[in-house]
Amino acid sequence: MISSDIIRGYNDTIILYMLLDGESYGYEISKNIRRLSEEKYVMKETTLYSAFTRLEKNGYIVSFFKEETFGKRRTYYRITAAGLDYYREKCEEWQLTQEVVNRFIKEL
C-alpha cells in the first residue's frame, strides 16, 4: 500500500482524473481509485471530502445534487474548464517530478 504522505500532493490530480469522463459522486470515486490502483492506494474519506471542498473553492469542480433511489439525495461532482487546465498543469509537474526523482533512485 502506498503511504498517503507520498501521494498527498497528487490527490487533487487523481480526483480530477476520475472526473475527466463525466460526473461522479464520492463513494464511486473512492471505489474507482481503489480499483485503478489495484488496492495499492486507498484515499481516506476525510481526505477525499477535504479535496472536494478545496477543488470546489478553487473553481476546479462544481457540486450538485441528484435524486437517487428511495428519495435519497447524493452529491455529484463535475470538472470545470479551470479544473481541466489545473489537471494538465499537475500532469506536467508530475513528469518533471518523476524525471528529477528518478535521477536519485537506483536498484541496490
PDB file of N, CA and C in Angstrom:
ATOM      1  N   MET A   1       0.850  -1.177   0.000  1.00  0.00           N
ATOM      2  CA  MET A   1       0.000   0.000   0.000  1.00  0.00           C
ATOM      3  C   MET A   1       0.894   1.237   0.000  1.00  0.00           C
ATOM      4  N   ILE A   2       0.510   2.251  -0.765  1.00  0.00           N
ATOM      5  CA  ILE A   2       1.270   3.496  -0.865  1.00  0.00           C
ATOM      6  C   ILE A   2       0.961   4.386   0.329  1.00  0.00           C
ATOM      7  N   SER A   3       1.998   4.969   0.912  1.00  0.00           N
ATOM      8  CA  SER A   3       1.832   5.891   2.030  1.00  0.00           C
ATOM      9  C   SER A   3       1.103   7.142   1.562  1.00  0.00           C
ATOM     10  N   SER A   4       0.158   7.614   2.360  1.00  0.00           N
ATOM     11  CA  SER A   4      -0.579   8.822   1.990  1.00  0.00           C
ATOM     12  C   SER A   4       0.349  10.031   1.936  1.00  0.00           C
ATOM     13  N   ASP A   5       1.454  10.010   2.695  1.00  0.00           N
ATOM     14  CA  ASP A   5       2.413  11.117   2.658  1.00  0.00           C
ATOM     15  C   ASP A   5       3.066  11.233   1.284  1.00  0.00           C
ATOM     16  N   ILE A   6       3.328  10.116   0.650  1.00  0.00           N
ATOM     17  CA  ILE A   6       3.992  10.100  -0.651  1.00  0.00           C
ATOM     18  C   ILE A   6       3.109  10.716  -1.736  1.00  0.00           C
ATOM     19  N   ILE A   7       1.838  10.424  -1.691  1.00  0.00           N
ATOM     20  CA  ILE A   7       0.937  10.769  -2.793  1.00  0.00           C
ATOM     21  C   ILE A   7       0.080  12.007  -2.514  1.00  0.00           C
ATOM     22  N   ARG A   8       0.163  12.543  -1.316  1.00  0.00           N
ATOM     23  CA  ARG A   8      -0.704  13.647  -0.876  1.00  0.00           C
ATOM     24  C   ARG A   8      -0.793  14.785  -1.893  1.00  0.00           C
ATOM     25  N   GLY A   9       0.319  15.200  -2.473  1.00  0.00           N
ATOM     26  CA  GLY A   9       0.317  16.318  -3.409  1.00  0.00           C
ATOM     27  C   GLY A   9      -0.398  16.038  -4.716  1.00  0.00           C
ATOM     28  N   TYR A  10      -0.780  14.793  -4.930  1.00  0.00           N
ATOM     29  CA  TYR A  10      -1.442  14.433  -6.186  1.00  0.00           C
ATOM     30  C   TYR A  10      -2.863  13.919  -5.989  1.00  0.00           C
ATOM     31  N   ASN A  11      -3.411  14.063  -4.786  1.00  0.00           N
ATOM     32  CA  ASN A  11      -4.801  13.662  -4.558  1.00  0.00           C
ATOM     33  C   ASN A  11      -5.754  14.439  -5.459  1.00  0.00           C
ATOM     34  N   ASP A  12      -5.520  15.746  -5.595  1.00  0.00           N
ATOM     35  CA  ASP A  12      -6.389  16.551  -6.455  1.00  0.00           C
ATOM     36  C   ASP A  12      -6.322  16.051  -7.891  1.00  0.00           C
ATOM     37  N   THR A  13      -5.121  15.736  -8.358  1.00  0.00           N
ATOM     38  CA  THR A  13      -4.938  15.244  -9.722  1.00  0.00           C
ATOM     39  C   THR A  13      -5.696  13.934  -9.918  1.00  0.00           C
ATOM     40  N   ILE A  14      -5.606  13.066  -8.940  1.00  0.00           N
ATOM     41  CA  ILE A  14      -6.291  11.774  -9.015  1.00  0.00           C
ATOM     42  C   ILE A  14      -7.807  11.981  -9.097  1.00  0.00           C
ATOM     43  N   ILE A  15      -8.331  12.857  -8.265  1.00  0.00           N
ATOM     44  CA  ILE A  15      -9.776  13.120  -8.266  1.00  0.00           C
ATOM     45  C   ILE A  15     -10.196  13.743  -9.593  1.00  0.00           C
ATOM     46  N   LEU A  16      -9.436  14.714 -10.074  1.00  0.00           N
ATOM     47  CA  LEU A  16      -9.777  15.343 -11.355  1.00  0.00           C
ATOM     48  C   LEU A  16      -9.740  14.315 -12.483  1.00  0.00           C
ATOM     49  N   TYR A  17      -8.771  13.406 -12.439  1.00  0.00           N
ATOM     50  CA  TYR A  17      -8.705  12.336 -13.434  1.00  0.00           C
ATOM     51  C   TYR A  17     -10.011  11.528 -13.421  1.00  0.00           C
ATOM     52  N   MET A  18     -10.495  11.232 -12.228  1.00  0.00           N
ATOM     53  CA  MET A  18     -11.700  10.420 -12.104  1.00  0.00           C
ATOM     54  C   MET A  18     -12.927  11.135 -12.673  1.00  0.00           C
ATOM     55  N   LEU A  19     -12.834  12.463 -12.818  1.00  0.00           N
ATOM     56  CA  LEU A  19     -13.962  13.243 -13.336  1.00  0.00           C
ATOM     57  C   LEU A  19     -13.809  13.611 -14.815  1.00  0.00           C
ATOM     58  N   LEU A  20     -12.703  13.213 -15.430  1.00  0.00           N
ATOM     59  CA  LEU A  20     -12.470  13.571 -16.833  1.00  0.00           C
ATOM     60  C   LEU A  20     -13.552  13.022 -17.761  1.00  0.00           C
ATOM     61  N   ASP A  21     -14.055  11.841 -17.471  1.00  0.00           N
ATOM     62  CA  ASP A  21     -15.032  11.203 -18.356  1.00  0.00           C
ATOM     63  C   ASP A  21     -16.477  11.494 -17.978  1.00  0.00           C
ATOM     64  N   GLY A  22     -16.674  12.317 -16.933  1.00  0.00           N
ATOM     65  CA  GLY A  22     -18.042  12.663 -16.554  1.00  0.00           C
ATOM     66  C   GLY A  22     -18.214  12.789 -15.063  1.00  0.00           C
ATOM     67  N   GLU A  23     -19.381  13.233 -14.690  1.00  0.00           N
ATOM     68  CA  GLU A  23     -19.695  13.469 -13.289  1.00  0.00           C
ATOM     69  C   GLU A  23     -19.692  12.176 -12.483  1.00  0.00           C
ATOM     70  N   SER A  24     -19.472  12.334 -11.180  1.00  0.00           N
ATOM     71  CA  SER A  24     -19.458  11.176 -10.294  1.00  0.00           C
ATOM     72  C   SER A  24     -19.692  11.646  -8.866  1.00  0.00           C
ATOM     73  N   TYR A  25     -19.839  10.713  -7.946  1.00  0.00           N
ATOM     74  CA  TYR A  25     -20.048  11.029  -6.535  1.00  0.00           C
ATOM     75  C   TYR A  25     -18.948  10.378  -5.699  1.00  0.00           C
ATOM     76  N   GLY A  26     -18.835  10.827  -4.470  1.00  0.00           N
ATOM     77  CA  GLY A  26     -17.730  10.454  -3.600  1.00  0.00           C
ATOM     78  C   GLY A  26     -17.439   8.971  -3.486  1.00  0.00           C
ATOM     79  N   TYR A  27     -18.441   8.186  -3.153  1.00  0.00           N
ATOM     80  CA  TYR A  27     -18.206   6.760  -2.953  1.00  0.00           C
ATOM     81  C   TYR A  27     -17.719   6.094  -4.235  1.00  0.00           C
ATOM     82  N   GLU A  28     -18.315   6.470  -5.359  1.00  0.00           N
ATOM     83  CA  GLU A  28     -17.917   5.885  -6.642  1.00  0.00           C
ATOM     84  C   GLU A  28     -16.473   6.275  -6.987  1.00  0.00           C
ATOM     85  N   ILE A  29     -16.106   7.517  -6.732  1.00  0.00           N
ATOM     86  CA  ILE A  29     -14.737   7.972  -6.991  1.00  0.00           C
ATOM     87  C   ILE A  29     -13.762   7.189  -6.120  1.00  0.00           C
ATOM     88  N   SER A  30     -14.073   7.077  -4.854  1.00  0.00           N
ATOM     89  CA  SER A  30     -13.214   6.338  -3.914  1.00  0.00           C
ATOM     90  C   SER A  30     -13.039   4.893  -4.356  1.00  0.00           C
ATOM     91  N   LYS A  31     -14.140   4.259  -4.720  1.00  0.00           N
ATOM     92  CA  LYS A  31     -14.113   2.855  -5.162  1.00  0.00           C
ATOM     93  C   LYS A  31     -13.263   2.702  -6.429  1.00  0.00           C
ATOM     94  N   ASN A  32     -13.390   3.643  -7.356  1.00  0.00           N
ATOM     95  CA  ASN A  32     -12.630   3.559  -8.607  1.00  0.00           C
ATOM     96  C   ASN A  32     -11.147   3.835  -8.395  1.00  0.00           C
ATOM     97  N   ILE A  33     -10.801   4.679  -7.440  1.00  0.00           N
ATOM     98  CA  ILE A  33      -9.386   4.900  -7.110  1.00  0.00           C
ATOM     99  C   ILE A  33      -8.777   3.600  -6.601  1.00  0.00           C
ATOM    100  N   ARG A  34      -9.505   2.933  -5.726  1.00  0.00           N
ATOM    101  CA  ARG A  34      -9.025   1.639  -5.205  1.00  0.00           C
ATOM    102  C   ARG A  34      -8.835   0.633  -6.325  1.00  0.00           C
ATOM    103  N   ARG A  35      -9.821   0.583  -7.210  1.00  0.00           N
ATOM    104  CA  ARG A  35      -9.799  -0.392  -8.307  1.00  0.00           C
ATOM    105  C   ARG A  35      -8.651  -0.096  -9.275  1.00  0.00           C
ATOM    106  N   LEU A  36      -8.540   1.153  -9.707  1.00  0.00           N
ATOM    107  CA  LEU A  36      -7.499   1.508 -10.675  1.00  0.00           C
ATOM    108  C   LEU A  36      -6.087   1.377 -10.103  1.00  0.00           C
ATOM    109  N   SER A  37      -5.950   1.584  -8.800  1.00  0.00           N
ATOM    110  CA  SER A  37      -4.631   1.437  -8.163  1.00  0.00           C
ATOM    111  C   SER A  37      -4.377  -0.003  -7.747  1.00  0.00           C
ATOM    112  N   GLU A  38      -5.302  -0.878  -8.077  1.00  0.00           N
ATOM    113  CA  GLU A  38      -5.219  -2.289  -7.690  1.00  0.00           C
ATOM    114  C   GLU A  38      -5.024  -2.430  -6.187  1.00  0.00           C
ATOM    115  N   GLU A  39      -5.801  -1.636  -5.439  1.00  0.00           N
ATOM    116  CA  GLU A  39      -5.812  -1.645  -3.971  1.00  0.00           C
ATOM    117  C   GLU A  39      -4.498  -1.153  -3.354  1.00  0.00           C
ATOM    118  N   LYS A  40      -3.628  -0.554  -4.161  1.00  0.00           N
ATOM    119  CA  LYS A  40      -2.349  -0.056  -3.631  1.00  0.00           C
ATOM    120  C   LYS A  40      -2.502   1.325  -3.005  1.00  0.00           C
ATOM    121  N   TYR A  41      -3.590   2.025  -3.334  1.00  0.00           N
ATOM    122  CA  TYR A  41      -3.857   3.325  -2.730  1.00  0.00           C
ATOM    123  C   TYR A  41      -5.331   3.419  -2.380  1.00  0.00           C
ATOM    124  N   VAL A  42      -5.594   3.714  -1.133  1.00  0.00           N
ATOM    125  CA  VAL A  42      -6.953   3.911  -0.648  1.00  0.00           C
ATOM    126  C   VAL A  42      -7.016   5.329  -0.086  1.00  0.00           C
ATOM    127  N   MET A  43      -7.816   6.172  -0.725  1.00  0.00           N
ATOM    128  CA  MET A  43      -7.956   7.543  -0.252  1.00  0.00           C
ATOM    129  C   MET A  43      -8.985   7.565   0.873  1.00  0.00           C
ATOM    130  N   LYS A  44      -8.558   8.059   2.024  1.00  0.00           N
ATOM    131  CA  LYS A  44      -9.461   8.128   3.171  1.00  0.00           C
ATOM    132  C   LYS A  44     -10.614   9.072   2.862  1.00  0.00           C
ATOM    133  N   GLU A  45     -11.761   8.782   3.460  1.00  0.00           N
ATOM    134  CA  GLU A  45     -12.961   9.591   3.233  1.00  0.00           C
ATOM    135  C   GLU A  45     -12.721  11.055   3.599  1.00  0.00           C
ATOM    136  N   THR A  46     -12.045  11.299   4.718  1.00  0.00           N
ATOM    137  CA  THR A  46     -11.784  12.689   5.124  1.00  0.00           C
ATOM    138  C   THR A  46     -10.888  13.394   4.106  1.00  0.00           C
ATOM    139  N   THR A  47      -9.915  12.693   3.563  1.00  0.00           N
ATOM    140  CA  THR A  47      -9.029  13.249   2.539  1.00  0.00           C
ATOM    141  C   THR A  47      -9.822  13.567   1.283  1.00  0.00           C
ATOM    142  N   LEU A  48     -10.679  12.659   0.884  1.00  0.00           N
ATOM    143  CA  LEU A  48     -11.490  12.824  -0.324  1.00  0.00           C
ATOM    144  C   LEU A  48     -12.387  14.052  -0.210  1.00  0.00           C
ATOM    145  N   TYR A  49     -13.116  14.167   0.894  1.00  0.00           N
ATOM    146  CA  TYR A  49     -14.068  15.270   1.028  1.00  0.00           C
ATOM    147  C   TYR A  49     -13.373  16.603   1.289  1.00  0.00           C
ATOM    148  N   SER A  50     -12.218  16.590   1.914  1.00  0.00           N
ATOM    149  CA  SER A  50     -11.420  17.817   2.048  1.00  0.00           C
ATOM    150  C   SER A  50     -10.966  18.290   0.675  1.00  0.00           C
ATOM    151  N   ALA A  51     -10.559  17.336  -0.161  1.00  0.00           N
ATOM    152  CA  ALA A  51     -10.133  17.668  -1.521  1.00  0.00           C
ATOM    153  C   ALA A  51     -11.305  18.220  -2.331  1.00  0.00           C
ATOM    154  N   PHE A  52     -12.492  17.628  -2.196  1.00  0.00           N
ATOM    155  CA  PHE A  52     -13.668  18.147  -2.896  1.00  0.00           C
ATOM    156  C   PHE A  52     -13.896  19.607  -2.520  1.00  0.00           C
ATOM    157  N   THR A  53     -13.832  19.904  -1.233  1.00  0.00           N
ATOM    158  CA  THR A  53     -14.040  21.273  -0.752  1.00  0.00           C
ATOM    159  C   THR A  53     -13.007  22.222  -1.346  1.00  0.00           C
ATOM    160  N   ARG A  54     -11.747  21.828  -1.304  1.00  0.00           N
ATOM    161  CA  ARG A  54     -10.656  22.660  -1.832  1.00  0.00           C
ATOM    162  C   ARG A  54     -10.801  22.856  -3.339  1.00  0.00           C
ATOM    163  N   LEU A  55     -11.067  21.777  -4.064  1.00  0.00           N
ATOM    164  CA  LEU A  55     -11.211  21.856  -5.518  1.00  0.00           C
ATOM    165  C   LEU A  55     -12.388  22.741  -5.915  1.00  0.00           C
ATOM    166  N   GLU A  56     -13.471  22.644  -5.166  1.00  0.00           N
ATOM    167  CA  GLU A  56     -14.643  23.473  -5.479  1.00  0.00           C
ATOM    168  C   GLU A  56     -14.361  24.943  -5.150  1.00  0.00           C
ATOM    169  N   LYS A  57     -13.718  25.185  -4.031  1.00  0.00           N
ATOM    170  CA  LYS A  57     -13.370  26.551  -3.635  1.00  0.00           C
ATOM    171  C   LYS A  57     -12.481  27.211  -4.695  1.00  0.00           C
ATOM    172  N   ASN A  58     -11.585  26.436  -5.299  1.00  0.00           N
ATOM    173  CA  ASN A  58     -10.672  26.953  -6.321  1.00  0.00           C
ATOM    174  C   ASN A  58     -11.292  26.994  -7.725  1.00  0.00           C
ATOM    175  N   GLY A  59     -12.523  26.537  -7.844  1.00  0.00           N
ATOM    176  CA  GLY A  59     -13.217  26.580  -9.132  1.00  0.00           C
ATOM    177  C   GLY A  59     -12.867  25.454 -10.080  1.00  0.00           C
ATOM    178  N   TYR A  60     -12.252  24.379  -9.559  1.00  0.00           N
ATOM    179  CA  TYR A  60     -11.835  23.272 -10.401  1.00  0.00           C
ATOM    180  C   TYR A  60     -12.926  22.222 -10.589  1.00  0.00           C
ATOM    181  N   ILE A  61     -13.878  22.188  -9.673  1.00  0.00           N
ATOM    182  CA  ILE A  61     -15.035  21.300  -9.789  1.00  0.00           C
ATOM    183  C   ILE A  61     -16.278  22.058  -9.332  1.00  0.00           C
ATOM    184  N   VAL A  62     -17.421  21.551  -9.700  1.00  0.00           N
ATOM    185  CA  VAL A  62     -18.694  22.045  -9.171  1.00  0.00           C
ATOM    186  C   VAL A  62     -19.432  20.845  -8.601  1.00  0.00           C
ATOM    187  N   SER A  63     -20.238  21.112  -7.586  1.00  0.00           N
ATOM    188  CA  SER A  63     -21.043  20.044  -6.988  1.00  0.00           C
ATOM    189  C   SER A  63     -22.516  20.348  -7.216  1.00  0.00           C
ATOM    190  N   PHE A  64     -23.298  19.286  -7.235  1.00  0.00           N
ATOM    191  CA  PHE A  64     -24.737  19.423  -7.403  1.00  0.00           C
ATOM    192  C   PHE A  64     -25.395  18.153  -6.869  1.00  0.00           C
ATOM    193  N   PHE A  65     -26.675  18.259  -6.579  1.00  0.00           N
ATOM    194  CA  PHE A  65     -27.413  17.125  -6.043  1.00  0.00           C
ATOM    195  C   PHE A  65     -28.207  16.428  -7.126  1.00  0.00           C
ATOM    196  N   LYS A  66     -28.327  15.120  -6.966  1.00  0.00           N
ATOM    197  CA  LYS A  66     -29.195  14.300  -7.814  1.00  0.00           C
ATOM    198  C   LYS A  66     -30.014  13.419  -6.891  1.00  0.00           C
ATOM    199  N   GLU A  67     -31.233  13.183  -7.273  1.00  0.00           N
ATOM    200  CA  GLU A  67     -32.087  12.264  -6.516  1.00  0.00           C
ATOM    201  C   GLU A  67     -31.704  10.833  -6.863  1.00  0.00           C
ATOM    202  N   GLU A  68     -31.610  10.019  -5.875  1.00  0.00           N
ATOM    203  CA  GLU A  68     -31.285   8.606  -6.077  1.00  0.00           C
ATOM    204  C   GLU A  68     -32.483   7.764  -5.683  1.00  0.00           C
ATOM    205  N   THR A  69     -32.305   6.471  -5.685  1.00  0.00           N
ATOM    206  CA  THR A  69     -33.392   5.576  -5.310  1.00  0.00           C
ATOM    207  C   THR A  69     -33.806   5.832  -3.871  1.00  0.00           C
ATOM    208  N   PHE A  70     -35.040   5.574  -3.585  1.00  0.00           N
ATOM    209  CA  PHE A  70     -35.622   5.756  -2.257  1.00  0.00           C
ATOM    210  C   PHE A  70     -35.576   7.225  -1.815  1.00  0.00           C
ATOM    211  N   GLY A  71     -35.539   8.164  -2.782  1.00  0.00           N
ATOM    212  CA  GLY A  71     -35.626   9.581  -2.469  1.00  0.00           C
ATOM    213  C   GLY A  71     -34.409  10.189  -1.811  1.00  0.00           C
ATOM    214  N   LYS A  72     -33.321   9.476  -1.761  1.00  0.00           N
ATOM    215  CA  LYS A  72     -32.102   9.955  -1.111  1.00  0.00           C
ATOM    216  C   LYS A  72     -31.327  10.848  -2.076  1.00  0.00           C
ATOM    217  N   ARG A  73     -30.837  11.991  -1.572  1.00  0.00           N
ATOM    218  CA  ARG A  73     -30.028  12.875  -2.417  1.00  0.00           C
ATOM    219  C   ARG A  73     -28.559  12.490  -2.325  1.00  0.00           C
ATOM    220  N   ARG A  74     -27.875  12.608  -3.433  1.00  0.00           N
ATOM    221  CA  ARG A  74     -26.450  12.298  -3.487  1.00  0.00           C
ATOM    222  C   ARG A  74     -25.740  13.489  -4.135  1.00  0.00           C
ATOM    223  N   THR A  75     -24.582  13.868  -3.573  1.00  0.00           N
ATOM    224  CA  THR A  75     -23.802  14.968  -4.140  1.00  0.00           C
ATOM    225  C   THR A  75     -22.905  14.437  -5.246  1.00  0.00           C
ATOM    226  N   TYR A  76     -23.026  15.028  -6.420  1.00  0.00           N
ATOM    227  CA  TYR A  76     -22.193  14.694  -7.570  1.00  0.00           C
ATOM    228  C   TYR A  76     -21.205  15.823  -7.814  1.00  0.00           C
ATOM    229  N   TYR A  77     -20.128  15.489  -8.502  1.00  0.00           N
ATOM    230  CA  TYR A  77     -19.088  16.464  -8.818  1.00  0.00           C
ATOM    231  C   TYR A  77     -18.796  16.400 -10.307  1.00  0.00           C
ATOM    232  N   ARG A  78     -18.454  17.579 -10.876  1.00  0.00           N
ATOM    233  CA  ARG A  78     -18.115  17.682 -12.293  1.00  0.00           C
ATOM    234  C   ARG A  78     -16.899  18.593 -12.419  1.00  0.00           C
ATOM    235  N   ILE A  79     -15.966  18.249 -13.281  1.00  0.00           N
ATOM    236  CA  ILE A  79     -14.774  19.060 -13.514  1.00  0.00           C
ATOM    237  C   ILE A  79     -15.160  20.289 -14.351  1.00  0.00           C
ATOM    238  N   THR A  80     -14.497  21.411 -14.092  1.00  0.00           N
ATOM    239  CA  THR A  80     -14.727  22.645 -14.847  1.00  0.00           C
ATOM    240  C   THR A  80     -13.588  22.843 -15.854  1.00  0.00           C
ATOM    241  N   ALA A  81     -13.714  23.870 -16.697  1.00  0.00           N
ATOM    242  CA  ALA A  81     -12.638  24.206 -17.638  1.00  0.00           C
ATOM    243  C   ALA A  81     -11.372  24.556 -16.870  1.00  0.00           C
ATOM    244  N   ALA A  82     -11.512  25.292 -15.768  1.00  0.00           N
ATOM    245  CA  ALA A  82     -10.348  25.627 -14.938  1.00  0.00           C
ATOM    246  C   ALA A  82      -9.747  24.357 -14.340  1.00  0.00           C
ATOM    247  N   GLY A  83     -10.597  23.399 -14.001  1.00  0.00           N
ATOM    248  CA  GLY A  83     -10.134  22.124 -13.469  1.00  0.00           C
ATOM    249  C   GLY A  83      -9.335  21.340 -14.498  1.00  0.00           C
ATOM    250  N   LEU A  84      -9.764  21.393 -15.746  1.00  0.00           N
ATOM    251  CA  LEU A  84      -9.022  20.727 -16.823  1.00  0.00           C
ATOM    252  C   LEU A  84      -7.642  21.361 -16.992  1.00  0.00           C
ATOM    253  N   ASP A  85      -7.590  22.696 -16.943  1.00  0.00           N
ATOM    254  CA  ASP A  85      -6.300  23.390 -17.049  1.00  0.00           C
ATOM    255  C   ASP A  85      -5.390  23.010 -15.887  1.00  0.00           C
ATOM    256  N   TYR A  86      -5.957  22.974 -14.677  1.00  0.00           N
ATOM    257  CA  TYR A  86      -5.177  22.611 -13.484  1.00  0.00           C
ATOM    258  C   TYR A  86      -4.677  21.168 -13.590  1.00  0.00           C
ATOM    259  N   TYR A  87      -5.533  20.278 -14.067  1.00  0.00           N
ATOM    260  CA  TYR A  87      -5.150  18.876 -14.250  1.00  0.00           C
ATOM    261  C   TYR A  87      -3.956  18.772 -15.201  1.00  0.00           C
ATOM    262  N   ARG A  88      -4.010  19.494 -16.307  1.00  0.00           N
ATOM    263  CA  ARG A  88      -2.901  19.481 -17.274  1.00  0.00           C
ATOM    264  C   ARG A  88      -1.609  19.988 -16.628  1.00  0.00           C
ATOM    265  N   GLU A  89      -1.705  21.063 -15.853  1.00  0.00           N
ATOM    266  CA  GLU A  89      -0.536  21.610 -15.146  1.00  0.00           C
ATOM    267  C   GLU A  89       0.066  20.578 -14.202  1.00  0.00           C
ATOM    268  N   LYS A  90      -0.799  19.896 -13.450  1.00  0.00           N
ATOM    269  CA  LYS A  90      -0.325  18.899 -12.492  1.00  0.00           C
ATOM    270  C   LYS A  90       0.303  17.700 -13.202  1.00  0.00           C
ATOM    271  N   CYS A  91      -0.203  17.343 -14.374  1.00  0.00           N
ATOM    272  CA  CYS A  91       0.391  16.248 -15.149  1.00  0.00           C
ATOM    273  C   CYS A  91       1.791  16.642 -15.620  1.00  0.00           C
ATOM    274  N   GLU A  92       1.958  17.873 -16.080  1.00  0.00           N
ATOM    275  CA  GLU A  92       3.281  18.357 -16.491  1.00  0.00           C
ATOM    276  C   GLU A  92       4.230  18.380 -15.289  1.00  0.00           C
ATOM    277  N   GLU A  93       3.713  18.839 -14.152  1.00  0.00           N
ATOM    278  CA  GLU A  93       4.522  18.874 -12.928  1.00  0.00           C
ATOM    279  C   GLU A  93       4.965  17.464 -12.535  1.00  0.00           C
ATOM    280  N   TRP A  94       4.052  16.491 -12.676  1.00  0.00           N
ATOM    281  CA  TRP A  94       4.376  15.108 -12.343  1.00  0.00           C
ATOM    282  C   TRP A  94       5.504  14.589 -13.224  1.00  0.00           C
ATOM    283  N   GLN A  95       5.459  14.886 -14.515  1.00  0.00           N
ATOM    284  CA  GLN A  95       6.505  14.431 -15.423  1.00  0.00           C
ATOM    285  C   GLN A  95       7.865  14.968 -14.984  1.00  0.00           C
ATOM    286  N   LEU A  96       7.913  16.235 -14.620  1.00  0.00           N
ATOM    287  CA  LEU A  96       9.148  16.848 -14.154  1.00  0.00           C
ATOM    288  C   LEU A  96       9.596  16.237 -12.824  1.00  0.00           C
ATOM    289  N   THR A  97       8.659  16.050 -11.905  1.00  0.00           N
ATOM    290  CA  THR A  97       8.965  15.448 -10.601  1.00  0.00           C
ATOM    291  C   THR A  97       9.534  14.048 -10.782  1.00  0.00           C
ATOM    292  N   GLN A  98       8.897  13.275 -11.616  1.00  0.00           N
ATOM    293  CA  GLN A  98       9.342  11.907 -11.879  1.00  0.00           C
ATOM    294  C   GLN A  98      10.753  11.900 -12.474  1.00  0.00           C
ATOM    295  N   GLU A  99      11.008  12.815 -13.391  1.00  0.00           N
ATOM    296  CA  GLU A  99      12.326  12.914 -14.017  1.00  0.00           C
ATOM    297  C   GLU A  99      13.409  13.215 -12.978  1.00  0.00           C
ATOM    298  N   VAL A 100      13.124  14.146 -12.080  1.00  0.00           N
ATOM    299  CA  VAL A 100      14.108  14.521 -11.057  1.00  0.00           C
ATOM    300  C   VAL A 100      14.316  13.391 -10.057  1.00  0.00           C
ATOM    301  N   VAL A 101      13.238  12.835  -9.530  1.00  0.00           N
ATOM    302  CA  VAL A 101      13.350  11.778  -8.526  1.00  0.00           C
ATOM    303  C   VAL A 101      14.047  10.552  -9.101  1.00  0.00           C
ATOM    304  N   ASN A 102      13.748  10.226 -10.346  1.00  0.00           N
ATOM    305  CA  ASN A 102      14.391   9.065 -10.976  1.00  0.00           C
ATOM    306  C   ASN A 102      15.911   9.193 -11.026  1.00  0.00           C
ATOM    307  N   ARG A 103      16.414  10.396 -11.014  1.00  0.00           N
ATOM    308  CA  ARG A 103      17.869  10.597 -11.015  1.00  0.00           C
ATOM    309  C   ARG A 103      18.512  10.159  -9.693  1.00  0.00           C
ATOM    310  N   PHE A 104      17.672  10.018  -8.661  1.00  0.00           N
ATOM    311  CA  PHE A 104      18.182   9.659  -7.338  1.00  0.00           C
ATOM    312  C   PHE A 104      17.752   8.276  -6.870  1.00  0.00           C
ATOM    313  N   ILE A 105      17.198   7.510  -7.784  1.00  0.00           N
ATOM    314  CA  ILE A 105      16.742   6.156  -7.478  1.00  0.00           C
ATOM    315  C   ILE A 105      17.627   5.161  -8.227  1.00  0.00           C
ATOM    316  N   LYS A 106      18.133   4.195  -7.492  1.00  0.00           N
ATOM    317  CA  LYS A 106      18.867   3.119  -8.159  1.00  0.00           C
ATOM    318  C   LYS A 106      18.610   1.816  -7.413  1.00  0.00           C
ATOM    319  N   GLU A 107      18.680   0.758  -8.153  1.00  0.00           N
ATOM    320  CA  GLU A 107      18.491  -0.551  -7.547  1.00  0.00           C
ATOM    321  C   GLU A 107      19.752  -0.945  -6.804  1.00  0.00           C
ATOM    322  N   LEU A 108      19.574  -1.469  -5.629  1.00  0.00           N
ATOM    323  CA  LEU A 108      20.722  -1.921  -4.812  1.00  0.00           C
ATOM    324  C   LEU A 108      20.779  -3.421  -4.762  1.00  0.00           C
TER     325      LEU A 108
END
